[in-house]
Amino acid sequence: MKFKVDQELCVGCEACEGVCPKIFKMQENGKAHVIADPDSADIEADALEAEEACPVQAISHE
């Protein structure tokens, strides 16, 4: 599963990094970025939880 963050929608609330720091990290531009693909079911579940936690639905997966 691959995750992405829509930079136009991201408001930099840091919720995704708080829920799943192994996949999402805030960058210098104040927006979240995907830093890795999930490599286990547990991390994938955390990334999905982070996607749900995003207040502006900026995170998606395929």
C-alpha atoms as a PDB file:
ATOM      1  CA  MET A   1       0.000   0.000   0.000  1.00  0.00           C
ATOM      2  CA  LYS A   2       1.296   3.447  -0.903  1.00  0.00           C
ATOM      3  CA  PHE A   3       0.243   6.666   0.790  1.00  0.00           C
ATOM      4  CA  LYS A   4       0.398  10.225  -0.488  1.00  0.00           C
ATOM      5  CA  VAL A   5      -0.267  13.671   0.925  1.00  0.00           C
ATOM      6  CA  ASP A   6      -1.971  16.282  -1.239  1.00  0.00           C
ATOM      7  CA  GLN A   7       0.207  19.331  -0.636  1.00  0.00           C
ATOM      8  CA  GLU A   8      -2.570  21.690  -1.719  1.00  0.00           C
ATOM      9  CA  LEU A   9      -4.917  20.343   0.966  1.00  0.00           C
ATOM     10  CA  CYS A  10      -2.453  19.785   3.829  1.00  0.00           C
ATOM     11  CA  VAL A  11      -2.798  22.405   6.573  1.00  0.00           C
ATOM     12  CA  GLY A  12       0.186  21.200   8.604  1.00  0.00           C
ATOM     13  CA  CYS A  13      -1.772  20.142  11.681  1.00  0.00           C
ATOM     14  CA  GLU A  14       0.750  17.331  12.416  1.00  0.00           C
ATOM     15  CA  ALA A  15      -1.982  14.781  13.219  1.00  0.00           C
ATOM     16  CA  CYS A  16      -0.586  12.234  10.766  1.00  0.00           C
ATOM     17  CA  GLU A  17       2.940  12.468  12.141  1.00  0.00           C
ATOM     18  CA  GLY A  18       1.558  12.138  15.656  1.00  0.00           C
ATOM     19  CA  VAL A  19      -0.313   8.948  14.754  1.00  0.00           C
ATOM     20  CA  CYS A  20       2.245   7.379  12.407  1.00  0.00           C
ATOM     21  CA  PRO A  21       5.712   9.000  12.491  1.00  0.00           C
ATOM     22  CA  LYS A  22       7.292   6.083  10.602  1.00  0.00           C
ATOM     23  CA  ILE A  23       5.344   7.069   7.472  1.00  0.00           C
ATOM     24  CA  PHE A  24       4.568  10.796   7.792  1.00  0.00           C
ATOM     25  CA  LYS A  25       6.918  13.640   8.667  1.00  0.00           C
ATOM     26  CA  MET A  26       6.491  17.390   8.689  1.00  0.00           C
ATOM     27  CA  GLN A  27       8.901  19.178   6.371  1.00  0.00           C
ATOM     28  CA  GLU A  28      10.372  22.686   6.307  1.00  0.00           C
ATOM     29  CA  ASN A  29       7.442  23.937   4.231  1.00  0.00           C
ATOM     30  CA  GLY A  30       5.091  23.126   7.136  1.00  0.00           C
ATOM     31  CA  LYS A  31       3.386  20.311   5.235  1.00  0.00           C
ATOM     32  CA  ALA A  32       3.383  16.563   5.839  1.00  0.00           C
ATOM     33  CA  HIS A  33       5.263  14.251   3.493  1.00  0.00           C
ATOM     34  CA  VAL A  34       5.372  10.487   3.117  1.00  0.00           C
ATOM     35  CA  ILE A  35       8.846   9.290   4.090  1.00  0.00           C
ATOM     36  CA  ALA A  36       8.366   5.520   3.612  1.00  0.00           C
ATOM     37  CA  ASP A  37       5.891   2.880   2.546  1.00  0.00           C
ATOM     38  CA  PRO A  38       4.464   0.662   5.291  1.00  0.00           C
ATOM     39  CA  ASP A  39       6.515  -2.513   5.681  1.00  0.00           C
ATOM     40  CA  SER A  40       4.224  -4.388   8.067  1.00  0.00           C
ATOM     41  CA  ALA A  41       0.534  -4.806   8.770  1.00  0.00           C
ATOM     42  CA  ASP A  42       0.867  -2.868  12.036  1.00  0.00           C
ATOM     43  CA  ILE A  43       2.472   0.139  10.349  1.00  0.00           C
ATOM     44  CA  GLU A  44      -0.071  -0.022   7.531  1.00  0.00           C
ATOM     45  CA  ALA A  45      -2.873   0.051  10.124  1.00  0.00           C
ATOM     46  CA  ASP A  46      -1.263   3.078  11.784  1.00  0.00           C
ATOM     47  CA  ALA A  47      -0.977   4.847   8.413  1.00  0.00           C
ATOM     48  CA  LEU A  48      -4.655   4.171   7.720  1.00  0.00           C
ATOM     49  CA  GLU A  49      -5.486   5.596  11.140  1.00  0.00           C
ATOM     50  CA  ALA A  50      -3.446   8.701  10.282  1.00  0.00           C
ATOM     51  CA  GLU A  51      -5.360   9.007   7.007  1.00  0.00           C
ATOM     52  CA  GLU A  52      -8.637   8.976   8.945  1.00  0.00           C
ATOM     53  CA  ALA A  53      -7.279  11.497  11.463  1.00  0.00           C
ATOM     54  CA  CYS A  54      -6.478  14.082   8.779  1.00  0.00           C
ATOM     55  CA  PRO A  55      -9.001  16.911   9.259  1.00  0.00           C
ATOM     56  CA  VAL A  56      -8.863  17.973   5.586  1.00  0.00           C
ATOM     57  CA  GLN A  57      -8.608  14.529   3.934  1.00  0.00           C
ATOM     58  CA  ALA A  58      -5.195  15.370   2.455  1.00  0.00           C
ATOM     59  CA  ILE A  59      -3.952  11.776   2.808  1.00  0.00           C
ATOM     60  CA  SER A  60      -4.899   9.011   0.401  1.00  0.00           C
ATOM     61  CA  HIS A  61      -3.652   5.533  -0.422  1.00  0.00           C
ATOM     62  CA  GLU A  62      -3.648   3.045  -3.282  1.00  0.00           C
END
